[in-house]
Amino acid sequence: MGLDKMKLIKGQTALSEEEMEGLLIPTITTREELDEFEQLNIQKAVEWYLINRKFKTDKILTEAFIIGVHKKMLSDVWSWAGKYRTSEKTIGITWYQIPIKLRQLLDDCKFWIDNKTYSDEEIAIRFKHELVAIHLFPNGNGRHSRLMGDVVMKHIFNKPKFTWGYKNLVNKSEIRETYINALKKGDDKNFKDLISFAQS
């Protein structure tokens, strides 16, 4: 399998050898093939969570729901879909702290909603940003967090989902660079550019 030789682009998380062994489609050998199969799987999740169902806040803001979204997104491609990572990455917290930090984030998000601490858009973006910062899964965290941001907008706030620049943010591009820069500003709790990008 040539998958281990694929080049990562800026912002992508490298997989460990053990995580690479979780590939369920052994015929995939190129980054393009992997992206295509993952996108087909993700599209099913988008339809499930944004088109065909309605979810209440108390269901969305649970550990089970968060895990379920990742599993639905990537379980056709990766055996570890919907399972917390057990390896260290260049981004994210120490892996064994993931469940604790996620529970804290869910509590924070409930507080923001109940107390209208921020605008609806900023709550969704802060939630998305913190999911990436925790980095729950071996891979797919950016795509998972964007879908979660959309779920929050649609089902909790009854507003249109974000557009995310109308581009595929997996591939290297100028628009991806803009997105990465906005994420970095979010690390300093400046979410203005990330909100603007999400709505662009």
N, C-alpha and C. Protein backbone atom coordinates (compact mmCIF):
# COMPACT_ATOMS: atom_id res chain seq x y z
N MET A 1 0.85 -1.18 0.00
CA MET A 1 0.00 0.00 0.00
C MET A 1 0.89 1.23 0.00
N GLY A 2 0.63 2.17 -0.93
CA GLY A 2 1.42 3.39 -1.03
C GLY A 2 0.87 4.54 -0.23
N LEU A 3 -0.13 4.30 0.56
CA LEU A 3 -0.79 5.37 1.31
C LEU A 3 0.15 6.07 2.26
N ASP A 4 1.10 5.35 2.81
CA ASP A 4 2.02 5.94 3.79
C ASP A 4 2.97 6.95 3.14
N LYS A 5 3.03 6.96 1.82
CA LYS A 5 3.92 7.87 1.13
C LYS A 5 3.22 9.15 0.71
N MET A 6 1.94 9.26 0.99
CA MET A 6 1.20 10.45 0.60
C MET A 6 1.67 11.67 1.34
N LYS A 7 1.80 12.78 0.64
CA LYS A 7 2.25 14.03 1.25
C LYS A 7 1.07 14.72 1.93
N LEU A 8 1.34 15.24 3.10
CA LEU A 8 0.33 16.02 3.81
C LEU A 8 0.45 17.47 3.38
N ILE A 9 -0.68 18.17 3.40
CA ILE A 9 -0.64 19.60 3.17
C ILE A 9 -0.78 20.30 4.50
N LYS A 10 -0.45 21.58 4.52
CA LYS A 10 -0.44 22.36 5.75
C LYS A 10 -1.76 22.21 6.51
N GLY A 11 -1.64 21.85 7.79
CA GLY A 11 -2.82 21.73 8.64
C GLY A 11 -3.38 20.32 8.74
N GLN A 12 -2.88 19.40 7.91
CA GLN A 12 -3.37 18.02 7.99
C GLN A 12 -2.59 17.24 9.05
N THR A 13 -3.29 16.32 9.71
CA THR A 13 -2.71 15.53 10.78
C THR A 13 -2.14 14.23 10.22
N ALA A 14 -0.91 13.93 10.58
CA ALA A 14 -0.30 12.67 10.15
C ALA A 14 -0.88 11.52 10.95
N LEU A 15 -1.02 10.37 10.29
CA LEU A 15 -1.51 9.16 10.95
C LEU A 15 -0.34 8.29 11.36
N SER A 16 -0.49 7.62 12.50
CA SER A 16 0.53 6.66 12.92
C SER A 16 0.42 5.41 12.04
N GLU A 17 1.44 4.57 12.11
CA GLU A 17 1.42 3.32 11.34
C GLU A 17 0.21 2.47 11.72
N GLU A 18 -0.08 2.40 13.01
CA GLU A 18 -1.24 1.63 13.48
C GLU A 18 -2.55 2.21 12.95
N GLU A 19 -2.65 3.53 12.93
CA GLU A 19 -3.87 4.18 12.41
C GLU A 19 -4.01 3.94 10.92
N MET A 20 -2.89 3.94 10.19
CA MET A 20 -2.93 3.67 8.74
C MET A 20 -3.47 2.27 8.46
N GLU A 21 -3.20 1.35 9.38
CA GLU A 21 -3.69 -0.02 9.20
C GLU A 21 -5.21 -0.11 9.34
N GLY A 22 -5.84 0.97 9.80
CA GLY A 22 -7.29 0.99 9.93
C GLY A 22 -8.03 1.27 8.63
N LEU A 23 -7.29 1.42 7.53
CA LEU A 23 -7.93 1.67 6.24
C LEU A 23 -8.74 0.45 5.82
N LEU A 24 -10.03 0.65 5.54
CA LEU A 24 -10.92 -0.45 5.22
C LEU A 24 -11.00 -0.76 3.73
N ILE A 25 -10.39 0.09 2.90
CA ILE A 25 -10.42 -0.11 1.45
C ILE A 25 -8.98 -0.26 0.97
N PRO A 26 -8.47 -1.48 0.94
CA PRO A 26 -7.04 -1.70 0.65
C PRO A 26 -6.60 -1.29 -0.76
N THR A 27 -7.55 -1.07 -1.67
CA THR A 27 -7.18 -0.69 -3.03
C THR A 27 -6.79 0.78 -3.14
N ILE A 28 -7.05 1.58 -2.10
CA ILE A 28 -6.68 2.99 -2.13
C ILE A 28 -5.17 3.13 -2.00
N THR A 29 -4.56 3.85 -2.95
CA THR A 29 -3.11 4.03 -2.91
C THR A 29 -2.69 5.48 -3.08
N THR A 30 -3.61 6.38 -3.40
CA THR A 30 -3.24 7.78 -3.61
C THR A 30 -4.08 8.69 -2.73
N ARG A 31 -3.56 9.90 -2.49
CA ARG A 31 -4.29 10.90 -1.71
C ARG A 31 -5.63 11.23 -2.38
N GLU A 32 -5.63 11.32 -3.72
CA GLU A 32 -6.85 11.65 -4.45
C GLU A 32 -7.93 10.59 -4.23
N GLU A 33 -7.53 9.32 -4.28
CA GLU A 33 -8.50 8.23 -4.06
C GLU A 33 -9.05 8.28 -2.63
N LEU A 34 -8.15 8.49 -1.68
CA LEU A 34 -8.58 8.57 -0.29
C LEU A 34 -9.56 9.72 -0.08
N ASP A 35 -9.22 10.89 -0.62
CA ASP A 35 -10.10 12.05 -0.49
C ASP A 35 -11.48 11.78 -1.10
N GLU A 36 -11.48 11.09 -2.24
CA GLU A 36 -12.75 10.80 -2.92
C GLU A 36 -13.63 9.86 -2.08
N PHE A 37 -13.04 8.79 -1.57
CA PHE A 37 -13.82 7.84 -0.76
C PHE A 37 -14.29 8.49 0.54
N GLU A 38 -13.41 9.29 1.15
CA GLU A 38 -13.83 9.97 2.38
C GLU A 38 -14.96 10.95 2.10
N GLN A 39 -14.86 11.69 0.99
CA GLN A 39 -15.90 12.67 0.68
C GLN A 39 -17.25 12.01 0.43
N LEU A 40 -17.25 10.86 -0.23
CA LEU A 40 -18.51 10.12 -0.43
C LEU A 40 -19.12 9.72 0.90
N ASN A 41 -18.29 9.27 1.82
CA ASN A 41 -18.75 8.87 3.15
C ASN A 41 -19.27 10.09 3.92
N ILE A 42 -18.53 11.19 3.84
CA ILE A 42 -18.92 12.41 4.54
C ILE A 42 -20.24 12.95 4.01
N GLN A 43 -20.46 12.84 2.71
CA GLN A 43 -21.71 13.33 2.13
C GLN A 43 -22.91 12.61 2.73
N LYS A 44 -22.77 11.32 3.01
CA LYS A 44 -23.85 10.57 3.67
C LYS A 44 -24.14 11.16 5.04
N ALA A 45 -23.07 11.52 5.77
CA ALA A 45 -23.24 12.11 7.10
C ALA A 45 -23.91 13.47 7.01
N VAL A 46 -23.51 14.28 6.02
CA VAL A 46 -24.12 15.60 5.84
C VAL A 46 -25.63 15.45 5.60
N GLU A 47 -25.99 14.52 4.75
CA GLU A 47 -27.42 14.28 4.48
C GLU A 47 -28.15 13.83 5.74
N TRP A 48 -27.52 12.97 6.52
CA TRP A 48 -28.13 12.44 7.74
C TRP A 48 -28.36 13.55 8.78
N TYR A 49 -27.33 14.36 9.00
CA TYR A 49 -27.38 15.34 10.08
C TYR A 49 -27.95 16.70 9.68
N LEU A 50 -27.90 17.05 8.39
CA LEU A 50 -28.35 18.38 8.00
C LEU A 50 -29.59 18.39 7.12
N ILE A 51 -29.96 17.27 6.54
CA ILE A 51 -31.09 17.25 5.60
C ILE A 51 -32.22 16.35 6.09
N ASN A 52 -31.91 15.15 6.49
CA ASN A 52 -32.95 14.14 6.74
C ASN A 52 -33.44 14.05 8.18
N ARG A 53 -32.83 14.76 9.10
CA ARG A 53 -33.19 14.60 10.51
C ARG A 53 -33.30 15.94 11.21
N LYS A 54 -33.95 15.92 12.37
CA LYS A 54 -34.00 17.08 13.25
C LYS A 54 -33.50 16.62 14.61
N PHE A 55 -32.60 17.40 15.21
CA PHE A 55 -32.02 17.04 16.50
C PHE A 55 -32.21 18.16 17.50
N LYS A 56 -32.44 17.80 18.75
CA LYS A 56 -32.60 18.78 19.82
C LYS A 56 -31.25 19.06 20.49
N THR A 57 -31.17 20.22 21.12
CA THR A 57 -29.93 20.66 21.76
C THR A 57 -29.40 19.64 22.76
N ASP A 58 -30.29 19.09 23.58
CA ASP A 58 -29.82 18.16 24.62
C ASP A 58 -29.28 16.86 24.05
N LYS A 59 -29.60 16.55 22.81
CA LYS A 59 -29.02 15.38 22.15
C LYS A 59 -27.69 15.73 21.50
N ILE A 60 -27.64 16.91 20.86
CA ILE A 60 -26.44 17.34 20.14
C ILE A 60 -25.27 17.52 21.09
N LEU A 61 -25.51 18.14 22.22
CA LEU A 61 -24.42 18.47 23.14
C LEU A 61 -24.14 17.32 24.11
N THR A 62 -23.85 16.16 23.51
CA THR A 62 -23.48 14.97 24.27
C THR A 62 -22.27 14.32 23.62
N GLU A 63 -21.53 13.61 24.44
CA GLU A 63 -20.36 12.87 23.95
C GLU A 63 -20.77 11.85 22.89
N ALA A 64 -21.88 11.16 23.12
CA ALA A 64 -22.34 10.13 22.18
C ALA A 64 -22.64 10.72 20.81
N PHE A 65 -23.26 11.89 20.78
CA PHE A 65 -23.59 12.52 19.50
C PHE A 65 -22.33 12.92 18.76
N ILE A 66 -21.40 13.55 19.46
CA ILE A 66 -20.14 14.00 18.84
C ILE A 66 -19.40 12.81 18.23
N ILE A 67 -19.30 11.72 18.97
CA ILE A 67 -18.64 10.51 18.48
C ILE A 67 -19.40 9.93 17.29
N GLY A 68 -20.73 9.92 17.40
CA GLY A 68 -21.57 9.37 16.34
C GLY A 68 -21.41 10.09 15.02
N VAL A 69 -21.24 11.41 15.08
CA VAL A 69 -21.06 12.19 13.85
C VAL A 69 -19.76 11.76 13.14
N HIS A 70 -18.68 11.63 13.89
CA HIS A 70 -17.40 11.22 13.28
C HIS A 70 -17.51 9.80 12.71
N LYS A 71 -18.17 8.94 13.43
CA LYS A 71 -18.33 7.56 12.94
C LYS A 71 -19.13 7.53 11.64
N LYS A 72 -20.22 8.29 11.59
CA LYS A 72 -21.05 8.34 10.39
C LYS A 72 -20.25 8.93 9.22
N MET A 73 -19.35 9.86 9.50
CA MET A 73 -18.57 10.52 8.46
C MET A 73 -17.53 9.63 7.80
N LEU A 74 -16.90 8.73 8.57
CA LEU A 74 -15.72 8.03 8.06
C LEU A 74 -15.72 6.52 8.23
N SER A 75 -16.81 5.93 8.71
CA SER A 75 -16.80 4.50 9.02
C SER A 75 -16.76 3.59 7.79
N ASP A 76 -17.02 4.13 6.60
CA ASP A 76 -16.88 3.32 5.39
C ASP A 76 -15.42 3.21 4.97
N VAL A 77 -14.57 4.09 5.53
CA VAL A 77 -13.18 4.17 5.08
C VAL A 77 -12.18 3.75 6.16
N TRP A 78 -12.47 4.11 7.43
CA TRP A 78 -11.52 3.86 8.52
C TRP A 78 -12.15 3.07 9.66
N SER A 79 -11.44 2.08 10.16
CA SER A 79 -11.95 1.26 11.27
C SER A 79 -12.01 2.05 12.58
N TRP A 80 -11.20 3.10 12.71
CA TRP A 80 -11.18 3.90 13.94
C TRP A 80 -12.15 5.07 13.91
N ALA A 81 -12.99 5.16 12.92
CA ALA A 81 -13.98 6.25 12.87
C ALA A 81 -14.83 6.22 14.13
N GLY A 82 -15.00 7.36 14.76
CA GLY A 82 -15.80 7.45 15.98
C GLY A 82 -15.09 6.97 17.22
N LYS A 83 -13.78 6.78 17.15
CA LYS A 83 -13.01 6.37 18.33
C LYS A 83 -11.96 7.44 18.63
N TYR A 84 -11.84 7.79 19.90
CA TYR A 84 -10.85 8.79 20.29
C TYR A 84 -9.45 8.32 19.91
N ARG A 85 -8.62 9.27 19.55
CA ARG A 85 -7.22 8.91 19.23
C ARG A 85 -6.50 8.46 20.50
N THR A 86 -5.51 7.62 20.30
CA THR A 86 -4.68 7.14 21.42
C THR A 86 -3.21 7.41 21.12
N SER A 87 -2.96 8.39 20.26
CA SER A 87 -1.59 8.78 19.92
C SER A 87 -1.48 10.30 19.99
N GLU A 88 -0.26 10.76 20.19
CA GLU A 88 -0.02 12.21 20.23
C GLU A 88 0.10 12.75 18.81
N LYS A 89 -0.39 13.97 18.62
CA LYS A 89 -0.32 14.64 17.33
C LYS A 89 0.37 15.99 17.50
N THR A 90 0.67 16.64 16.38
CA THR A 90 1.30 17.95 16.45
C THR A 90 0.31 19.02 16.88
N ILE A 91 -0.95 18.68 16.88
CA ILE A 91 -2.00 19.58 17.34
C ILE A 91 -2.86 18.80 18.32
N GLY A 92 -3.47 19.50 19.25
CA GLY A 92 -4.39 18.83 20.17
C GLY A 92 -3.78 18.59 21.54
N ILE A 93 -4.66 18.25 22.47
CA ILE A 93 -4.24 17.99 23.84
C ILE A 93 -3.69 16.58 23.97
N THR A 94 -3.13 16.27 25.11
CA THR A 94 -2.67 14.91 25.38
C THR A 94 -3.87 13.96 25.25
N TRP A 95 -3.68 12.85 24.56
CA TRP A 95 -4.81 12.01 24.15
C TRP A 95 -5.67 11.54 25.31
N TYR A 96 -5.09 11.23 26.48
CA TYR A 96 -5.91 10.67 27.56
C TYR A 96 -6.77 11.72 28.26
N GLN A 97 -6.57 13.00 27.93
CA GLN A 97 -7.41 14.06 28.49
C GLN A 97 -8.65 14.35 27.64
N ILE A 98 -8.75 13.71 26.49
CA ILE A 98 -9.82 14.02 25.54
C ILE A 98 -11.22 13.94 26.16
N PRO A 99 -11.61 12.84 26.81
CA PRO A 99 -12.99 12.77 27.35
C PRO A 99 -13.30 13.89 28.35
N ILE A 100 -12.33 14.23 29.19
CA ILE A 100 -12.54 15.27 30.20
C ILE A 100 -12.72 16.63 29.52
N LYS A 101 -11.83 16.96 28.57
CA LYS A 101 -11.90 18.25 27.88
C LYS A 101 -13.17 18.36 27.04
N LEU A 102 -13.61 17.26 26.44
CA LEU A 102 -14.84 17.30 25.66
C LEU A 102 -16.03 17.58 26.58
N ARG A 103 -16.10 16.93 27.71
CA ARG A 103 -17.20 17.19 28.65
C ARG A 103 -17.20 18.64 29.11
N GLN A 104 -16.01 19.19 29.35
CA GLN A 104 -15.92 20.60 29.74
C GLN A 104 -16.43 21.50 28.62
N LEU A 105 -16.07 21.19 27.38
CA LEU A 105 -16.52 21.98 26.23
C LEU A 105 -18.04 21.91 26.10
N LEU A 106 -18.60 20.73 26.25
CA LEU A 106 -20.06 20.59 26.15
C LEU A 106 -20.76 21.41 27.22
N ASP A 107 -20.23 21.39 28.44
CA ASP A 107 -20.80 22.22 29.52
C ASP A 107 -20.66 23.70 29.19
N ASP A 108 -19.51 24.09 28.67
CA ASP A 108 -19.31 25.50 28.29
C ASP A 108 -20.31 25.92 27.23
N CYS A 109 -20.48 25.08 26.22
CA CYS A 109 -21.38 25.42 25.12
C CYS A 109 -22.83 25.55 25.62
N LYS A 110 -23.26 24.67 26.52
CA LYS A 110 -24.60 24.79 27.10
C LYS A 110 -24.74 26.12 27.83
N PHE A 111 -23.70 26.52 28.57
CA PHE A 111 -23.71 27.78 29.29
C PHE A 111 -23.81 28.96 28.32
N TRP A 112 -23.00 28.94 27.24
CA TRP A 112 -23.05 30.03 26.26
C TRP A 112 -24.44 30.18 25.66
N ILE A 113 -25.07 29.04 25.37
CA ILE A 113 -26.41 29.07 24.77
C ILE A 113 -27.43 29.59 25.77
N ASP A 114 -27.44 29.02 26.97
CA ASP A 114 -28.42 29.40 27.99
C ASP A 114 -28.31 30.87 28.37
N ASN A 115 -27.09 31.39 28.39
CA ASN A 115 -26.86 32.76 28.84
C ASN A 115 -26.63 33.76 27.71
N LYS A 116 -26.76 33.27 26.47
CA LYS A 116 -26.54 34.13 25.30
C LYS A 116 -25.22 34.92 25.44
N THR A 117 -24.18 34.19 25.83
CA THR A 117 -22.87 34.79 26.09
C THR A 117 -22.28 35.44 24.85
N TYR A 118 -22.50 34.81 23.70
CA TYR A 118 -22.01 35.31 22.41
C TYR A 118 -23.15 35.25 21.41
N SER A 119 -22.90 35.79 20.22
CA SER A 119 -23.89 35.64 19.15
C SER A 119 -24.01 34.16 18.79
N ASP A 120 -25.10 33.81 18.13
CA ASP A 120 -25.29 32.41 17.72
C ASP A 120 -24.12 31.93 16.87
N GLU A 121 -23.70 32.77 15.94
CA GLU A 121 -22.61 32.41 15.04
C GLU A 121 -21.31 32.19 15.81
N GLU A 122 -21.05 33.05 16.78
CA GLU A 122 -19.80 32.90 17.54
C GLU A 122 -19.83 31.66 18.42
N ILE A 123 -21.00 31.33 18.96
CA ILE A 123 -21.09 30.09 19.75
C ILE A 123 -20.76 28.89 18.88
N ALA A 124 -21.35 28.84 17.68
CA ALA A 124 -21.10 27.71 16.77
C ALA A 124 -19.62 27.64 16.39
N ILE A 125 -19.01 28.81 16.13
CA ILE A 125 -17.61 28.85 15.72
C ILE A 125 -16.68 28.52 16.88
N ARG A 126 -16.97 29.03 18.08
CA ARG A 126 -16.16 28.68 19.25
C ARG A 126 -16.22 27.17 19.51
N PHE A 127 -17.40 26.61 19.39
CA PHE A 127 -17.57 25.17 19.60
C PHE A 127 -16.75 24.39 18.57
N LYS A 128 -16.86 24.79 17.31
CA LYS A 128 -16.10 24.14 16.24
C LYS A 128 -14.59 24.25 16.50
N HIS A 129 -14.15 25.47 16.86
CA HIS A 129 -12.73 25.71 17.07
C HIS A 129 -12.18 24.87 18.23
N GLU A 130 -12.94 24.78 19.31
CA GLU A 130 -12.48 24.01 20.46
C GLU A 130 -12.44 22.51 20.17
N LEU A 131 -13.34 22.02 19.34
CA LEU A 131 -13.29 20.61 18.93
C LEU A 131 -11.98 20.32 18.21
N VAL A 132 -11.57 21.23 17.32
CA VAL A 132 -10.30 21.04 16.61
C VAL A 132 -9.12 21.14 17.57
N ALA A 133 -9.21 22.09 18.51
CA ALA A 133 -8.12 22.27 19.47
C ALA A 133 -7.92 21.02 20.33
N ILE A 134 -9.02 20.38 20.71
CA ILE A 134 -8.92 19.13 21.47
C ILE A 134 -8.37 18.03 20.57
N HIS A 135 -8.86 17.99 19.32
CA HIS A 135 -8.41 17.01 18.32
C HIS A 135 -8.77 15.59 18.78
N LEU A 136 -10.04 15.32 18.81
CA LEU A 136 -10.56 14.09 19.38
C LEU A 136 -10.10 12.82 18.68
N PHE A 137 -10.00 12.87 17.36
CA PHE A 137 -9.86 11.65 16.56
C PHE A 137 -8.52 11.59 15.84
N PRO A 138 -8.13 10.40 15.35
CA PRO A 138 -6.87 10.30 14.61
C PRO A 138 -6.79 11.23 13.41
N ASN A 139 -7.92 11.44 12.74
CA ASN A 139 -7.96 12.30 11.57
C ASN A 139 -9.40 12.72 11.30
N GLY A 140 -9.57 13.68 10.41
CA GLY A 140 -10.91 14.15 10.06
C GLY A 140 -11.47 15.18 11.03
N ASN A 141 -10.63 15.71 11.90
CA ASN A 141 -11.10 16.63 12.94
C ASN A 141 -11.63 17.95 12.37
N GLY A 142 -10.96 18.48 11.36
CA GLY A 142 -11.43 19.73 10.75
C GLY A 142 -12.78 19.56 10.10
N ARG A 143 -12.93 18.51 9.32
CA ARG A 143 -14.20 18.24 8.64
C ARG A 143 -15.30 17.94 9.66
N HIS A 144 -14.97 17.18 10.69
CA HIS A 144 -15.93 16.86 11.75
C HIS A 144 -16.38 18.14 12.46
N SER A 145 -15.42 19.01 12.79
CA SER A 145 -15.77 20.22 13.53
C SER A 145 -16.60 21.17 12.68
N ARG A 146 -16.33 21.23 11.37
CA ARG A 146 -17.15 22.09 10.50
C ARG A 146 -18.58 21.56 10.42
N LEU A 147 -18.74 20.25 10.31
CA LEU A 147 -20.08 19.68 10.30
C LEU A 147 -20.79 19.94 11.63
N MET A 148 -20.05 19.83 12.74
CA MET A 148 -20.65 20.12 14.05
C MET A 148 -21.07 21.59 14.14
N GLY A 149 -20.26 22.50 13.60
CA GLY A 149 -20.65 23.91 13.57
C GLY A 149 -21.93 24.11 12.79
N ASP A 150 -22.06 23.40 11.66
CA ASP A 150 -23.28 23.47 10.86
C ASP A 150 -24.48 22.90 11.60
N VAL A 151 -24.27 21.79 12.31
CA VAL A 151 -25.35 21.17 13.09
C VAL A 151 -25.85 22.15 14.16
N VAL A 152 -24.91 22.82 14.84
CA VAL A 152 -25.29 23.79 15.86
C VAL A 152 -26.12 24.92 15.23
N MET A 153 -25.67 25.43 14.09
CA MET A 153 -26.41 26.52 13.44
C MET A 153 -27.81 26.08 13.03
N LYS A 154 -27.91 24.93 12.41
CA LYS A 154 -29.21 24.47 11.88
C LYS A 154 -30.16 24.01 12.98
N HIS A 155 -29.70 23.16 13.86
CA HIS A 155 -30.61 22.51 14.81
C HIS A 155 -30.77 23.24 16.14
N ILE A 156 -29.75 23.92 16.60
CA ILE A 156 -29.86 24.64 17.87
C ILE A 156 -30.38 26.06 17.65
N PHE A 157 -29.83 26.74 16.61
CA PHE A 157 -30.21 28.14 16.39
C PHE A 157 -31.20 28.34 15.25
N ASN A 158 -31.55 27.25 14.54
CA ASN A 158 -32.52 27.33 13.46
C ASN A 158 -32.12 28.38 12.41
N LYS A 159 -30.83 28.36 12.06
CA LYS A 159 -30.29 29.27 11.07
C LYS A 159 -29.60 28.47 9.97
N PRO A 160 -29.34 29.10 8.81
CA PRO A 160 -28.64 28.37 7.74
C PRO A 160 -27.26 27.91 8.18
N LYS A 161 -26.86 26.77 7.66
CA LYS A 161 -25.52 26.27 7.94
C LYS A 161 -24.50 27.21 7.31
N PHE A 162 -23.25 27.09 7.76
CA PHE A 162 -22.18 27.91 7.21
C PHE A 162 -21.83 27.46 5.79
N THR A 163 -21.21 28.35 5.02
CA THR A 163 -20.81 28.01 3.65
C THR A 163 -19.35 27.59 3.56
N TRP A 164 -18.54 28.01 4.53
CA TRP A 164 -17.11 27.66 4.58
C TRP A 164 -16.41 27.99 3.27
N GLY A 165 -16.76 29.14 2.68
CA GLY A 165 -16.08 29.59 1.46
C GLY A 165 -16.48 28.81 0.22
N TYR A 166 -17.47 27.92 0.32
CA TYR A 166 -17.94 27.11 -0.81
C TYR A 166 -16.84 26.29 -1.46
N LYS A 167 -15.83 25.93 -0.71
CA LYS A 167 -14.70 25.19 -1.28
C LYS A 167 -14.42 23.93 -0.48
N ASN A 168 -13.74 23.01 -1.14
CA ASN A 168 -13.22 21.82 -0.46
C ASN A 168 -11.97 22.25 0.29
N LEU A 169 -12.03 22.25 1.61
CA LEU A 169 -10.91 22.75 2.41
C LEU A 169 -9.87 21.69 2.70
N VAL A 170 -10.03 20.50 2.12
CA VAL A 170 -9.05 19.44 2.32
C VAL A 170 -7.84 19.66 1.42
N ASN A 171 -8.08 20.14 0.20
CA ASN A 171 -6.99 20.29 -0.76
C ASN A 171 -6.26 21.62 -0.59
N LYS A 172 -5.00 21.63 -0.96
CA LYS A 172 -4.17 22.83 -0.85
C LYS A 172 -4.72 23.90 -1.79
N SER A 173 -4.95 25.09 -1.23
CA SER A 173 -5.45 26.19 -2.04
C SER A 173 -5.30 27.48 -1.25
N GLU A 174 -5.51 28.60 -1.94
CA GLU A 174 -5.44 29.90 -1.28
C GLU A 174 -6.56 30.03 -0.25
N ILE A 175 -7.72 29.47 -0.57
CA ILE A 175 -8.86 29.54 0.36
C ILE A 175 -8.58 28.74 1.63
N ARG A 176 -7.88 27.61 1.49
CA ARG A 176 -7.51 26.83 2.67
C ARG A 176 -6.53 27.61 3.54
N GLU A 177 -5.60 28.31 2.90
CA GLU A 177 -4.63 29.12 3.64
C GLU A 177 -5.35 30.20 4.45
N THR A 178 -6.37 30.82 3.85
CA THR A 178 -7.16 31.82 4.55
C THR A 178 -7.85 31.20 5.76
N TYR A 179 -8.38 30.01 5.56
CA TYR A 179 -9.06 29.27 6.64
C TYR A 179 -8.09 28.95 7.77
N ILE A 180 -6.91 28.45 7.45
CA ILE A 180 -5.90 28.09 8.46
C ILE A 180 -5.49 29.33 9.25
N ASN A 181 -5.30 30.46 8.56
CA ASN A 181 -4.93 31.70 9.24
C ASN A 181 -6.03 32.17 10.19
N ALA A 182 -7.28 32.00 9.78
CA ALA A 182 -8.40 32.37 10.64
C ALA A 182 -8.46 31.46 11.87
N LEU A 183 -8.16 30.17 11.68
CA LEU A 183 -8.11 29.24 12.81
C LEU A 183 -7.04 29.67 13.82
N LYS A 184 -5.89 30.10 13.31
CA LYS A 184 -4.80 30.52 14.19
C LYS A 184 -5.20 31.72 15.03
N LYS A 185 -5.93 32.65 14.43
CA LYS A 185 -6.42 33.81 15.19
C LYS A 185 -7.39 33.35 16.28
N GLY A 186 -8.15 32.31 15.98
CA GLY A 186 -9.06 31.74 16.97
C GLY A 186 -8.32 31.17 18.17
N ASP A 187 -7.08 30.74 17.96
CA ASP A 187 -6.27 30.25 19.08
C ASP A 187 -6.07 31.34 20.14
N ASP A 188 -6.12 32.59 19.69
CA ASP A 188 -6.00 33.74 20.61
C ASP A 188 -7.37 34.32 20.97
N LYS A 189 -8.41 33.52 20.75
CA LYS A 189 -9.80 33.91 21.08
C LYS A 189 -10.29 35.08 20.23
N ASN A 190 -9.70 35.27 19.07
CA ASN A 190 -10.17 36.26 18.11
C ASN A 190 -10.88 35.50 16.99
N PHE A 191 -12.20 35.48 17.03
CA PHE A 191 -12.98 34.64 16.13
C PHE A 191 -13.60 35.40 14.96
N LYS A 192 -13.31 36.70 14.87
CA LYS A 192 -13.93 37.53 13.83
C LYS A 192 -13.67 36.98 12.43
N ASP A 193 -12.39 36.69 12.11
CA ASP A 193 -12.04 36.22 10.77
C ASP A 193 -12.62 34.84 10.49
N LEU A 194 -12.65 33.99 11.51
CA LEU A 194 -13.19 32.63 11.32
C LEU A 194 -14.70 32.68 11.07
N ILE A 195 -15.39 33.55 11.79
CA ILE A 195 -16.84 33.73 11.56
C ILE A 195 -17.07 34.26 10.14
N SER A 196 -16.28 35.26 9.74
CA SER A 196 -16.42 35.83 8.39
C SER A 196 -16.16 34.77 7.33
N PHE A 197 -15.10 33.98 7.55
CA PHE A 197 -14.78 32.93 6.58
C PHE A 197 -15.92 31.91 6.51
N ALA A 198 -16.43 31.49 7.65
CA ALA A 198 -17.50 30.49 7.68
C ALA A 198 -18.74 30.96 6.95
N GLN A 199 -18.95 32.27 6.91
CA GLN A 199 -20.12 32.83 6.25
C GLN A 199 -19.84 33.30 4.83
N SER A 200 -18.58 33.17 4.36
CA SER A 200 -18.22 33.70 3.04
C SER A 200 -18.71 32.80 1.92
